Amino acid sequence: MIPRSYTARARSLPAAARHAEPSRRQILHAQAANLLSASRFVLAGLWLAAFMSGDQRPEILGSIALAGAISDFFDGRVARRMDSAGRFGQWLDSLADIVFVLTALACEAYAGAIPFYIPVLIAASFTQYVIDSLMICGSSTPVKSRLGHWGGVINFALVIILAFAPPPRWPTLLRAGAPLIAIFYLAAIFERTLSYRLIGARGPFRCFRWTRAS
């Protein structure tokens, strides 16, 4: 005969197991920041679709640009609030940023709104950023730079300005200022390159850990 206490304990196991499993709400909270970051991949696809269909109205592209900027502003804050910041989320944030920005600005460069060297320099700067973080600093998370942070701000500002620019959608002032923007990107690249000289000369150079704050 099976003891009653054993039977009661056996019946309680499924309920306890279900209680131990994270609920959908808990999973959603834990991944909220990553979902915000991943939304920029979707927004990049929407921007590309709008350009390919010829529907480049400011209310369409402007909404996409603002949604991308808002998601980038809040994902880091949500990650900290939910205590879910991690290496995957940090790299996802950076990759989502560059995919969204390059998709938008490459489309604008193709349309003649900005010179092609703007998205090319952004891509070069991001490539250096990844190589610097992984291979030179040996970090498992992105490594920040002072000018690189402001470069990200300029990237989103360009996307928003171009999205809301009235027809003909390439402001003369923006094209005139493109060389100055390019100089800033080159300065950001040079800033990282300059720090490499410390390798070997002064031992391992200082690598700053990036925090998901934007």
N, C-alpha and C. Protein backbone atom coordinates (compact mmCIF):
# COMPACT_ATOMS: atom_id res chain seq x y z
N MET A 1 0.84 -1.19 0.00
CA MET A 1 0.00 0.00 0.00
C MET A 1 0.89 1.25 0.00
N ILE A 2 0.55 2.21 -0.89
CA ILE A 2 1.36 3.42 -1.01
C ILE A 2 0.99 4.40 0.09
N PRO A 3 1.94 4.90 0.83
CA PRO A 3 1.64 5.84 1.90
C PRO A 3 0.95 7.08 1.36
N ARG A 4 0.03 7.63 2.19
CA ARG A 4 -0.75 8.79 1.77
C ARG A 4 0.15 10.01 1.54
N SER A 5 1.19 10.14 2.38
CA SER A 5 2.09 11.30 2.23
C SER A 5 2.82 11.26 0.90
N TYR A 6 3.19 10.04 0.44
CA TYR A 6 3.87 9.90 -0.85
C TYR A 6 2.94 10.29 -1.98
N THR A 7 1.67 9.84 -1.90
CA THR A 7 0.69 10.17 -2.94
C THR A 7 0.46 11.67 -3.01
N ALA A 8 0.31 12.32 -1.86
CA ALA A 8 0.08 13.76 -1.85
C ALA A 8 1.28 14.50 -2.44
N ARG A 9 2.50 14.01 -2.12
CA ARG A 9 3.69 14.66 -2.65
C ARG A 9 3.78 14.47 -4.15
N ALA A 10 3.41 13.31 -4.64
CA ALA A 10 3.46 13.06 -6.08
C ALA A 10 2.47 13.93 -6.83
N ARG A 11 1.28 14.11 -6.24
CA ARG A 11 0.28 14.95 -6.90
C ARG A 11 0.71 16.41 -6.95
N SER A 12 1.51 16.83 -5.97
CA SER A 12 1.91 18.23 -5.92
C SER A 12 3.08 18.55 -6.85
N LEU A 13 3.76 17.53 -7.37
CA LEU A 13 4.93 17.77 -8.21
C LEU A 13 4.61 18.56 -9.48
N PRO A 14 3.58 18.18 -10.26
CA PRO A 14 3.30 18.96 -11.47
C PRO A 14 3.03 20.43 -11.18
N ALA A 15 2.27 20.71 -10.13
CA ALA A 15 1.97 22.09 -9.79
C ALA A 15 3.23 22.83 -9.40
N ALA A 16 4.08 22.17 -8.62
CA ALA A 16 5.34 22.81 -8.21
C ALA A 16 6.22 23.07 -9.41
N ALA A 17 6.24 22.10 -10.34
CA ALA A 17 7.06 22.28 -11.54
C ALA A 17 6.55 23.45 -12.37
N ARG A 18 5.20 23.53 -12.47
CA ARG A 18 4.65 24.66 -13.23
C ARG A 18 4.97 25.97 -12.55
N HIS A 19 4.95 25.96 -11.23
CA HIS A 19 5.24 27.19 -10.49
C HIS A 19 6.70 27.60 -10.66
N ALA A 20 7.59 26.60 -10.79
CA ALA A 20 9.02 26.89 -10.92
C ALA A 20 9.35 27.45 -12.31
N GLU A 21 8.56 27.07 -13.32
CA GLU A 21 8.82 27.55 -14.68
C GLU A 21 8.47 29.03 -14.77
N PRO A 22 9.33 29.83 -15.50
CA PRO A 22 9.02 31.25 -15.65
C PRO A 22 7.75 31.44 -16.48
N SER A 23 6.93 32.37 -16.07
CA SER A 23 5.71 32.66 -16.79
C SER A 23 6.03 33.44 -18.06
N ARG A 24 5.04 33.53 -18.95
CA ARG A 24 5.23 34.30 -20.17
C ARG A 24 5.51 35.76 -19.86
N ARG A 25 4.86 36.25 -18.82
CA ARG A 25 5.08 37.64 -18.44
C ARG A 25 6.50 37.87 -17.97
N GLN A 26 7.04 36.92 -17.21
CA GLN A 26 8.43 37.03 -16.75
C GLN A 26 9.40 36.98 -17.91
N ILE A 27 9.12 36.08 -18.86
CA ILE A 27 9.97 35.97 -20.05
C ILE A 27 9.92 37.27 -20.85
N LEU A 28 8.73 37.82 -21.02
CA LEU A 28 8.57 39.06 -21.77
C LEU A 28 9.31 40.20 -21.10
N HIS A 29 9.22 40.28 -19.77
CA HIS A 29 9.94 41.32 -19.05
C HIS A 29 11.44 41.17 -19.24
N ALA A 30 11.93 39.93 -19.18
CA ALA A 30 13.36 39.69 -19.30
C ALA A 30 13.88 40.04 -20.69
N GLN A 31 13.04 39.87 -21.70
CA GLN A 31 13.46 40.10 -23.09
C GLN A 31 12.95 41.42 -23.64
N ALA A 32 12.34 42.25 -22.82
CA ALA A 32 11.74 43.49 -23.31
C ALA A 32 12.76 44.39 -24.01
N ALA A 33 13.93 44.53 -23.40
CA ALA A 33 14.96 45.38 -24.00
C ALA A 33 15.43 44.82 -25.34
N ASN A 34 15.63 43.50 -25.40
CA ASN A 34 16.06 42.89 -26.66
C ASN A 34 15.00 43.02 -27.74
N LEU A 35 13.73 42.94 -27.35
CA LEU A 35 12.65 43.12 -28.32
C LEU A 35 12.65 44.54 -28.86
N LEU A 36 12.91 45.51 -27.99
CA LEU A 36 13.00 46.89 -28.44
C LEU A 36 14.15 47.07 -29.44
N SER A 37 15.29 46.48 -29.12
CA SER A 37 16.44 46.56 -30.03
C SER A 37 16.13 45.87 -31.36
N ALA A 38 15.55 44.67 -31.29
CA ALA A 38 15.25 43.90 -32.50
C ALA A 38 14.22 44.60 -33.37
N SER A 39 13.40 45.46 -32.79
CA SER A 39 12.38 46.17 -33.58
C SER A 39 13.02 47.03 -34.66
N ARG A 40 14.27 47.44 -34.46
CA ARG A 40 14.93 48.28 -35.46
C ARG A 40 15.28 47.50 -36.73
N PHE A 41 15.41 46.18 -36.63
CA PHE A 41 15.57 45.38 -37.84
C PHE A 41 14.29 45.44 -38.68
N VAL A 42 13.16 45.35 -37.99
CA VAL A 42 11.86 45.44 -38.67
C VAL A 42 11.70 46.82 -39.29
N LEU A 43 12.06 47.87 -38.54
CA LEU A 43 11.93 49.23 -39.04
C LEU A 43 12.84 49.47 -40.24
N ALA A 44 14.01 48.86 -40.23
CA ALA A 44 14.90 48.97 -41.40
C ALA A 44 14.25 48.36 -42.63
N GLY A 45 13.59 47.21 -42.45
CA GLY A 45 12.88 46.59 -43.57
C GLY A 45 11.73 47.45 -44.06
N LEU A 46 11.03 48.10 -43.15
CA LEU A 46 9.92 48.99 -43.54
C LEU A 46 10.44 50.19 -44.31
N TRP A 47 11.57 50.73 -43.89
CA TRP A 47 12.15 51.88 -44.61
C TRP A 47 12.53 51.46 -46.03
N LEU A 48 13.17 50.31 -46.16
CA LEU A 48 13.57 49.82 -47.47
C LEU A 48 12.34 49.56 -48.35
N ALA A 49 11.30 48.99 -47.76
CA ALA A 49 10.08 48.72 -48.52
C ALA A 49 9.44 50.01 -48.99
N ALA A 50 9.46 51.04 -48.14
CA ALA A 50 8.88 52.33 -48.53
C ALA A 50 9.65 52.93 -49.70
N PHE A 51 10.96 52.81 -49.68
CA PHE A 51 11.76 53.36 -50.78
C PHE A 51 11.53 52.58 -52.06
N MET A 52 11.48 51.27 -51.96
CA MET A 52 11.30 50.46 -53.16
C MET A 52 9.93 50.66 -53.78
N SER A 53 8.95 50.96 -52.95
CA SER A 53 7.59 51.20 -53.46
C SER A 53 7.39 52.63 -53.91
N GLY A 54 8.35 53.49 -53.64
CA GLY A 54 8.24 54.89 -54.04
C GLY A 54 7.41 55.73 -53.08
N ASP A 55 7.02 55.16 -51.96
CA ASP A 55 6.22 55.90 -50.98
C ASP A 55 7.16 56.50 -49.94
N GLN A 56 7.66 57.69 -50.24
CA GLN A 56 8.66 58.33 -49.39
C GLN A 56 8.10 59.57 -48.70
N ARG A 57 6.81 59.52 -48.36
CA ARG A 57 6.18 60.65 -47.69
C ARG A 57 6.79 60.85 -46.31
N PRO A 58 6.94 62.12 -45.90
CA PRO A 58 7.51 62.38 -44.56
C PRO A 58 6.74 61.71 -43.44
N GLU A 59 5.42 61.61 -43.56
CA GLU A 59 4.66 60.98 -42.48
C GLU A 59 4.96 59.48 -42.36
N ILE A 60 5.38 58.86 -43.47
CA ILE A 60 5.74 57.44 -43.44
C ILE A 60 7.15 57.26 -42.90
N LEU A 61 8.12 57.90 -43.57
CA LEU A 61 9.51 57.75 -43.16
C LEU A 61 9.77 58.41 -41.81
N GLY A 62 9.07 59.51 -41.55
CA GLY A 62 9.24 60.18 -40.27
C GLY A 62 8.80 59.30 -39.11
N SER A 63 7.69 58.60 -39.29
CA SER A 63 7.21 57.70 -38.23
C SER A 63 8.21 56.57 -37.99
N ILE A 64 8.78 56.04 -39.07
CA ILE A 64 9.78 54.97 -38.93
C ILE A 64 11.02 55.49 -38.22
N ALA A 65 11.48 56.69 -38.61
CA ALA A 65 12.68 57.26 -38.00
C ALA A 65 12.49 57.52 -36.51
N LEU A 66 11.35 58.08 -36.15
CA LEU A 66 11.09 58.36 -34.74
C LEU A 66 10.97 57.07 -33.94
N ALA A 67 10.33 56.06 -34.52
CA ALA A 67 10.20 54.78 -33.82
C ALA A 67 11.58 54.16 -33.57
N GLY A 68 12.46 54.28 -34.55
CA GLY A 68 13.81 53.75 -34.37
C GLY A 68 14.57 54.49 -33.28
N ALA A 69 14.48 55.82 -33.28
CA ALA A 69 15.17 56.60 -32.26
C ALA A 69 14.61 56.33 -30.87
N ILE A 70 13.30 56.21 -30.75
CA ILE A 70 12.67 55.95 -29.45
C ILE A 70 13.08 54.59 -28.92
N SER A 71 13.09 53.58 -29.79
CA SER A 71 13.48 52.24 -29.35
C SER A 71 14.93 52.23 -28.88
N ASP A 72 15.80 52.99 -29.56
CA ASP A 72 17.20 53.05 -29.17
C ASP A 72 17.36 53.80 -27.84
N PHE A 73 16.52 54.78 -27.60
CA PHE A 73 16.60 55.55 -26.36
C PHE A 73 16.17 54.72 -25.16
N PHE A 74 15.16 53.87 -25.34
CA PHE A 74 14.57 53.18 -24.21
C PHE A 74 15.13 51.79 -23.95
N ASP A 75 15.76 51.14 -24.94
CA ASP A 75 16.13 49.74 -24.72
C ASP A 75 17.14 49.58 -23.59
N GLY A 76 18.11 50.49 -23.51
CA GLY A 76 19.07 50.41 -22.43
C GLY A 76 18.45 50.66 -21.07
N ARG A 77 17.53 51.61 -21.02
CA ARG A 77 16.86 51.93 -19.76
C ARG A 77 15.98 50.78 -19.30
N VAL A 78 15.32 50.14 -20.25
CA VAL A 78 14.49 48.99 -19.91
C VAL A 78 15.36 47.83 -19.42
N ALA A 79 16.52 47.63 -20.06
CA ALA A 79 17.42 46.55 -19.65
C ALA A 79 17.89 46.75 -18.21
N ARG A 80 18.21 47.98 -17.86
CA ARG A 80 18.66 48.24 -16.49
C ARG A 80 17.51 48.09 -15.50
N ARG A 81 16.34 48.56 -15.88
CA ARG A 81 15.20 48.48 -14.97
C ARG A 81 14.80 47.03 -14.72
N MET A 82 14.87 46.20 -15.76
CA MET A 82 14.51 44.80 -15.63
C MET A 82 15.68 43.93 -15.18
N ASP A 83 16.83 44.58 -14.99
CA ASP A 83 18.04 43.86 -14.59
C ASP A 83 18.35 42.71 -15.55
N SER A 84 18.23 43.04 -16.86
CA SER A 84 18.43 42.01 -17.88
C SER A 84 19.56 42.35 -18.85
N ALA A 85 20.40 43.32 -18.49
CA ALA A 85 21.50 43.69 -19.37
C ALA A 85 22.50 42.55 -19.46
N GLY A 86 22.96 42.26 -20.67
CA GLY A 86 23.92 41.19 -20.88
C GLY A 86 24.69 41.40 -22.16
N ARG A 87 25.66 40.51 -22.40
CA ARG A 87 26.49 40.66 -23.59
C ARG A 87 25.68 40.57 -24.87
N PHE A 88 24.76 39.61 -24.92
CA PHE A 88 23.95 39.46 -26.14
C PHE A 88 23.15 40.73 -26.41
N GLY A 89 22.52 41.27 -25.39
CA GLY A 89 21.72 42.46 -25.56
C GLY A 89 22.54 43.66 -25.99
N GLN A 90 23.75 43.78 -25.48
CA GLN A 90 24.60 44.92 -25.84
C GLN A 90 25.01 44.86 -27.30
N TRP A 91 25.38 43.66 -27.76
CA TRP A 91 25.75 43.54 -29.17
C TRP A 91 24.52 43.66 -30.08
N LEU A 92 23.39 43.13 -29.63
CA LEU A 92 22.17 43.26 -30.40
C LEU A 92 21.79 44.72 -30.58
N ASP A 93 21.94 45.51 -29.53
CA ASP A 93 21.66 46.94 -29.58
C ASP A 93 22.53 47.62 -30.63
N SER A 94 23.83 47.35 -30.59
CA SER A 94 24.75 47.98 -31.54
C SER A 94 24.47 47.54 -32.97
N LEU A 95 24.23 46.24 -33.16
CA LEU A 95 23.97 45.74 -34.50
C LEU A 95 22.66 46.27 -35.06
N ALA A 96 21.63 46.36 -34.22
CA ALA A 96 20.35 46.91 -34.67
C ALA A 96 20.50 48.37 -35.06
N ASP A 97 21.30 49.11 -34.30
CA ASP A 97 21.56 50.52 -34.63
C ASP A 97 22.15 50.65 -36.03
N ILE A 98 23.22 49.90 -36.28
CA ILE A 98 23.94 50.08 -37.54
C ILE A 98 23.12 49.60 -38.73
N VAL A 99 22.36 48.53 -38.55
CA VAL A 99 21.52 48.04 -39.65
C VAL A 99 20.45 49.06 -39.99
N PHE A 100 19.80 49.61 -38.97
CA PHE A 100 18.75 50.61 -39.22
C PHE A 100 19.33 51.87 -39.86
N VAL A 101 20.42 52.39 -39.30
CA VAL A 101 21.00 53.63 -39.81
C VAL A 101 21.54 53.45 -41.22
N LEU A 102 22.27 52.36 -41.46
CA LEU A 102 22.84 52.16 -42.79
C LEU A 102 21.77 51.92 -43.84
N THR A 103 20.70 51.21 -43.48
CA THR A 103 19.61 51.00 -44.43
C THR A 103 18.99 52.32 -44.84
N ALA A 104 18.69 53.15 -43.84
CA ALA A 104 18.06 54.44 -44.13
C ALA A 104 18.99 55.36 -44.91
N LEU A 105 20.23 55.50 -44.48
CA LEU A 105 21.13 56.44 -45.14
C LEU A 105 21.61 55.94 -46.49
N ALA A 106 21.72 54.62 -46.67
CA ALA A 106 22.07 54.10 -48.00
C ALA A 106 20.96 54.40 -49.00
N CYS A 107 19.71 54.27 -48.54
CA CYS A 107 18.58 54.62 -49.41
C CYS A 107 18.62 56.11 -49.77
N GLU A 108 18.91 56.94 -48.78
CA GLU A 108 18.97 58.38 -49.02
C GLU A 108 20.14 58.74 -49.94
N ALA A 109 21.26 58.05 -49.79
CA ALA A 109 22.39 58.30 -50.67
C ALA A 109 22.07 57.88 -52.09
N TYR A 110 21.36 56.76 -52.24
CA TYR A 110 20.95 56.31 -53.57
C TYR A 110 20.01 57.32 -54.23
N ALA A 111 19.16 57.96 -53.40
CA ALA A 111 18.23 58.96 -53.92
C ALA A 111 18.90 60.30 -54.17
N GLY A 112 20.13 60.46 -53.74
CA GLY A 112 20.86 61.70 -53.95
C GLY A 112 20.74 62.69 -52.81
N ALA A 113 20.16 62.27 -51.70
CA ALA A 113 19.96 63.20 -50.58
C ALA A 113 21.28 63.53 -49.88
N ILE A 114 22.17 62.56 -49.77
CA ILE A 114 23.47 62.74 -49.14
C ILE A 114 24.52 62.04 -49.98
N PRO A 115 25.78 62.44 -49.85
CA PRO A 115 26.85 61.74 -50.58
C PRO A 115 27.00 60.30 -50.08
N PHE A 116 27.46 59.44 -50.97
CA PHE A 116 27.63 58.04 -50.61
C PHE A 116 28.72 57.84 -49.55
N TYR A 117 29.64 58.80 -49.45
CA TYR A 117 30.72 58.58 -48.49
C TYR A 117 30.24 58.65 -47.04
N ILE A 118 29.05 59.19 -46.80
CA ILE A 118 28.53 59.24 -45.43
C ILE A 118 28.21 57.83 -44.91
N PRO A 119 27.36 57.05 -45.58
CA PRO A 119 27.14 55.68 -45.09
C PRO A 119 28.38 54.81 -45.15
N VAL A 120 29.28 55.07 -46.10
CA VAL A 120 30.52 54.29 -46.18
C VAL A 120 31.39 54.53 -44.94
N LEU A 121 31.50 55.78 -44.52
CA LEU A 121 32.30 56.10 -43.33
C LEU A 121 31.65 55.53 -42.06
N ILE A 122 30.32 55.55 -42.01
CA ILE A 122 29.63 54.96 -40.85
C ILE A 122 29.91 53.47 -40.77
N ALA A 123 29.86 52.78 -41.92
CA ALA A 123 30.14 51.34 -41.95
C ALA A 123 31.59 51.07 -41.55
N ALA A 124 32.52 51.91 -42.02
CA ALA A 124 33.93 51.73 -41.66
C ALA A 124 34.14 51.94 -40.17
N SER A 125 33.48 52.96 -39.62
CA SER A 125 33.61 53.24 -38.19
C SER A 125 33.06 52.09 -37.35
N PHE A 126 31.94 51.52 -37.76
CA PHE A 126 31.36 50.40 -37.01
C PHE A 126 32.25 49.17 -37.10
N THR A 127 32.82 48.92 -38.27
CA THR A 127 33.72 47.78 -38.43
C THR A 127 34.92 47.91 -37.50
N GLN A 128 35.48 49.11 -37.43
CA GLN A 128 36.60 49.34 -36.52
C GLN A 128 36.17 49.14 -35.07
N TYR A 129 34.97 49.58 -34.76
CA TYR A 129 34.40 49.45 -33.41
C TYR A 129 34.32 47.98 -32.99
N VAL A 130 33.88 47.12 -33.91
CA VAL A 130 33.77 45.69 -33.60
C VAL A 130 35.16 45.06 -33.45
N ILE A 131 36.05 45.36 -34.39
CA ILE A 131 37.40 44.80 -34.34
C ILE A 131 38.12 45.27 -33.08
N ASP A 132 37.96 46.55 -32.77
CA ASP A 132 38.59 47.12 -31.58
C ASP A 132 38.11 46.41 -30.32
N SER A 133 36.79 46.20 -30.23
CA SER A 133 36.22 45.59 -29.03
C SER A 133 36.65 44.14 -28.86
N LEU A 134 36.55 43.36 -29.94
CA LEU A 134 36.77 41.92 -29.85
C LEU A 134 38.24 41.52 -29.92
N MET A 135 38.96 42.09 -30.87
CA MET A 135 40.31 41.61 -31.15
C MET A 135 41.40 42.39 -30.42
N ILE A 136 41.21 43.69 -30.28
CA ILE A 136 42.27 44.50 -29.68
C ILE A 136 42.09 44.61 -28.17
N CYS A 137 40.86 44.94 -27.75
CA CYS A 137 40.60 45.02 -26.31
C CYS A 137 40.33 43.66 -25.71
N GLY A 138 39.99 42.68 -26.55
CA GLY A 138 39.67 41.35 -26.03
C GLY A 138 38.44 41.35 -25.16
N SER A 139 37.48 42.21 -25.48
CA SER A 139 36.28 42.33 -24.67
C SER A 139 35.14 41.53 -25.28
N SER A 140 34.29 40.99 -24.43
CA SER A 140 33.12 40.26 -24.91
C SER A 140 31.92 41.19 -25.09
N THR A 141 32.08 42.45 -24.71
CA THR A 141 31.03 43.46 -24.87
C THR A 141 31.59 44.65 -25.63
N PRO A 142 30.74 45.46 -26.25
CA PRO A 142 31.23 46.62 -27.00
C PRO A 142 32.03 47.58 -26.13
N VAL A 143 33.07 48.18 -26.71
CA VAL A 143 33.92 49.13 -26.00
C VAL A 143 33.66 50.52 -26.56
N LYS A 144 33.29 51.43 -25.70
CA LYS A 144 32.87 52.75 -26.13
C LYS A 144 34.05 53.65 -26.46
N SER A 145 33.76 54.73 -27.19
CA SER A 145 34.69 55.83 -27.38
C SER A 145 33.89 57.12 -27.28
N ARG A 146 34.56 58.20 -26.92
CA ARG A 146 33.85 59.45 -26.71
C ARG A 146 33.21 59.96 -28.00
N LEU A 147 33.99 60.03 -29.06
CA LEU A 147 33.45 60.53 -30.33
C LEU A 147 32.48 59.52 -30.95
N GLY A 148 32.73 58.24 -30.70
CA GLY A 148 31.85 57.22 -31.26
C GLY A 148 30.43 57.35 -30.73
N HIS A 149 30.29 57.69 -29.45
CA HIS A 149 28.95 57.88 -28.88
C HIS A 149 28.21 59.00 -29.59
N TRP A 150 28.89 60.14 -29.77
CA TRP A 150 28.25 61.27 -30.44
C TRP A 150 28.02 60.99 -31.91
N GLY A 151 28.86 60.13 -32.49
CA GLY A 151 28.62 59.72 -33.87
C GLY A 151 27.29 59.00 -34.01
N GLY A 152 26.95 58.16 -33.00
CA GLY A 152 25.66 57.49 -33.01
C GLY A 152 24.50 58.46 -32.93
N VAL A 153 24.67 59.52 -32.13
CA VAL A 153 23.64 60.55 -32.03
C VAL A 153 23.45 61.25 -33.38
N ILE A 154 24.56 61.57 -34.03
CA ILE A 154 24.49 62.22 -35.34
C ILE A 154 23.82 61.31 -36.36
N ASN A 155 24.10 60.01 -36.29
CA ASN A 155 23.48 59.07 -37.23
C ASN A 155 21.96 59.14 -37.17
N PHE A 156 21.40 59.06 -35.98
CA PHE A 156 19.95 59.10 -35.83
C PHE A 156 19.40 60.47 -36.18
N ALA A 157 20.15 61.53 -35.88
CA ALA A 157 19.70 62.87 -36.24
C ALA A 157 19.60 63.01 -37.76
N LEU A 158 20.57 62.46 -38.47
CA LEU A 158 20.53 62.50 -39.95
C LEU A 158 19.30 61.77 -40.48
N VAL A 159 19.05 60.60 -39.93
CA VAL A 159 17.89 59.81 -40.39
C VAL A 159 16.60 60.59 -40.18
N ILE A 160 16.45 61.20 -39.01
CA ILE A 160 15.21 61.93 -38.70
C ILE A 160 15.07 63.16 -39.58
N ILE A 161 16.16 63.91 -39.78
CA ILE A 161 16.09 65.11 -40.62
C ILE A 161 15.71 64.75 -42.05
N LEU A 162 16.35 63.71 -42.59
CA LEU A 162 16.06 63.31 -43.96
C LEU A 162 14.65 62.74 -44.10
N ALA A 163 14.17 62.09 -43.06
CA ALA A 163 12.82 61.51 -43.12
C ALA A 163 11.76 62.59 -43.20
N PHE A 164 11.96 63.69 -42.49
CA PHE A 164 10.96 64.75 -42.44
C PHE A 164 11.21 65.87 -43.44
N ALA A 165 12.32 65.77 -44.20
CA ALA A 165 12.63 66.83 -45.16
C ALA A 165 11.54 66.90 -46.23
N PRO A 166 11.02 68.09 -46.50
CA PRO A 166 9.98 68.22 -47.53
C PRO A 166 10.57 68.06 -48.93
N PRO A 167 9.74 67.80 -49.94
CA PRO A 167 10.22 67.70 -51.32
C PRO A 167 10.88 69.02 -51.75
N PRO A 168 11.93 68.98 -52.56
CA PRO A 168 12.70 67.79 -52.96
C PRO A 168 13.55 67.31 -51.81
N ARG A 169 13.45 66.11 -51.36
CA ARG A 169 13.80 65.61 -50.05
C ARG A 169 15.29 65.65 -49.71
N TRP A 170 16.09 66.45 -50.39
CA TRP A 170 17.49 66.54 -50.00
C TRP A 170 17.85 68.01 -49.76
N PRO A 171 17.82 68.45 -48.50
CA PRO A 171 18.11 69.84 -48.16
C PRO A 171 19.50 70.27 -48.61
N THR A 172 19.57 71.45 -49.22
CA THR A 172 20.85 71.97 -49.69
C THR A 172 21.81 72.15 -48.53
N LEU A 173 21.30 72.60 -47.38
CA LEU A 173 22.16 72.82 -46.22
C LEU A 173 22.81 71.53 -45.74
N LEU A 174 22.05 70.43 -45.79
CA LEU A 174 22.59 69.15 -45.33
C LEU A 174 23.69 68.66 -46.26
N ARG A 175 23.48 68.82 -47.55
CA ARG A 175 24.51 68.40 -48.50
C ARG A 175 25.76 69.26 -48.35
N ALA A 176 25.54 70.55 -48.08
CA ALA A 176 26.69 71.44 -47.89
C ALA A 176 27.47 71.08 -46.63
N GLY A 177 26.76 70.59 -45.62
CA GLY A 177 27.42 70.24 -44.37
C GLY A 177 27.96 68.83 -44.33
N ALA A 178 27.73 68.04 -45.39
CA ALA A 178 28.18 66.64 -45.43
C ALA A 178 29.69 66.50 -45.22
N PRO A 179 30.54 67.37 -45.81
CA PRO A 179 31.98 67.24 -45.57
C PRO A 179 32.35 67.40 -44.09
N LEU A 180 31.65 68.28 -43.38
CA LEU A 180 31.93 68.46 -41.95
C LEU A 180 31.53 67.21 -41.17
N ILE A 181 30.41 66.60 -41.56
CA ILE A 181 29.99 65.36 -40.91
C ILE A 181 31.01 64.26 -41.17
N ALA A 182 31.52 64.22 -42.41
CA ALA A 182 32.54 63.22 -42.75
C ALA A 182 33.81 63.42 -41.93
N ILE A 183 34.19 64.68 -41.71
CA ILE A 183 35.38 64.96 -40.90
C ILE A 183 35.18 64.44 -39.48
N PHE A 184 33.97 64.59 -38.95
CA PHE A 184 33.70 64.10 -37.60
C PHE A 184 33.85 62.58 -37.55
N TYR A 185 33.30 61.86 -38.55
CA TYR A 185 33.44 60.41 -38.57
C TYR A 185 34.90 59.99 -38.67
N LEU A 186 35.67 60.72 -39.49
CA LEU A 186 37.09 60.41 -39.61
C LEU A 186 37.82 60.66 -38.29
N ALA A 187 37.39 61.72 -37.57
CA ALA A 187 38.00 62.00 -36.27
C ALA A 187 37.70 60.88 -35.28
N ALA A 188 36.48 60.32 -35.34
CA ALA A 188 36.12 59.21 -34.45
C ALA A 188 36.96 57.98 -34.76
N ILE A 189 37.19 57.72 -36.05
CA ILE A 189 38.04 56.60 -36.44
C ILE A 189 39.48 56.84 -35.99
N PHE A 190 39.94 58.09 -36.17
CA PHE A 190 41.32 58.42 -35.78
C PHE A 190 41.51 58.33 -34.28
N GLU A 191 40.47 58.69 -33.52
CA GLU A 191 40.55 58.61 -32.06
C GLU A 191 40.85 57.19 -31.60
N ARG A 192 40.15 56.22 -32.19
CA ARG A 192 40.41 54.83 -31.82
C ARG A 192 41.79 54.40 -32.31
N THR A 193 42.14 54.79 -33.53
CA THR A 193 43.43 54.39 -34.09
C THR A 193 44.58 54.95 -33.26
N LEU A 194 44.42 56.18 -32.78
CA LEU A 194 45.47 56.80 -31.99
C LEU A 194 45.73 56.04 -30.70
N SER A 195 44.70 55.45 -30.14
CA SER A 195 44.89 54.72 -28.87
C SER A 195 45.67 53.43 -29.07
N TYR A 196 45.77 52.93 -30.30
CA TYR A 196 46.48 51.68 -30.54
C TYR A 196 47.98 51.82 -30.28
N ARG A 197 48.50 53.04 -30.37
CA ARG A 197 49.94 53.23 -30.19
C ARG A 197 50.38 52.90 -28.76
N LEU A 198 49.40 52.86 -27.85
CA LEU A 198 49.72 52.54 -26.46
C LEU A 198 50.01 51.06 -26.28
N ILE A 199 49.62 50.25 -27.27
CA ILE A 199 49.88 48.81 -27.17
C ILE A 199 51.38 48.55 -27.32
N GLY A 200 51.95 47.86 -26.40
CA GLY A 200 53.38 47.56 -26.46
C GLY A 200 54.22 48.65 -25.84
N ALA A 201 53.85 49.93 -26.06
CA ALA A 201 54.64 51.02 -25.52
C ALA A 201 54.41 51.20 -24.02
N ARG A 202 53.12 51.09 -23.62
CA ARG A 202 52.78 51.29 -22.21
C ARG A 202 52.04 50.08 -21.63
N GLY A 203 52.19 48.93 -22.26
CA GLY A 203 51.46 47.76 -21.81
C GLY A 203 50.05 47.79 -22.37
N PRO A 204 49.17 46.91 -21.89
CA PRO A 204 47.79 46.86 -22.38
C PRO A 204 47.11 48.21 -22.19
N PHE A 205 46.59 48.75 -23.29
CA PHE A 205 46.00 50.08 -23.18
C PHE A 205 44.59 49.98 -22.60
N ARG A 206 44.13 51.10 -22.15
CA ARG A 206 42.89 51.15 -21.39
C ARG A 206 41.68 50.99 -22.28
N CYS A 207 40.89 50.01 -22.00
CA CYS A 207 39.65 49.77 -22.74
C CYS A 207 38.48 50.03 -21.81
N PHE A 208 37.58 50.89 -22.24
CA PHE A 208 36.45 51.25 -21.41
C PHE A 208 35.28 50.34 -21.74
N ARG A 209 34.73 49.73 -20.68
CA ARG A 209 33.57 48.87 -20.87
C ARG A 209 32.34 49.73 -21.17
N TRP A 210 31.61 49.35 -22.18
CA TRP A 210 30.40 50.04 -22.60
C TRP A 210 29.21 49.56 -21.80
N THR A 211 28.37 50.48 -21.38
CA THR A 211 27.14 50.11 -20.68
C THR A 211 25.96 50.47 -21.55
N ARG A 212 24.94 49.64 -21.50
CA ARG A 212 23.77 49.83 -22.37
C ARG A 212 22.92 50.97 -21.82
N ALA A 213 23.32 52.19 -22.12
CA ALA A 213 22.65 53.34 -21.54
C ALA A 213 21.83 54.11 -22.54
N SER A 214 21.96 53.79 -23.81
CA SER A 214 21.21 54.55 -24.80
C SER A 214 20.27 53.66 -25.57
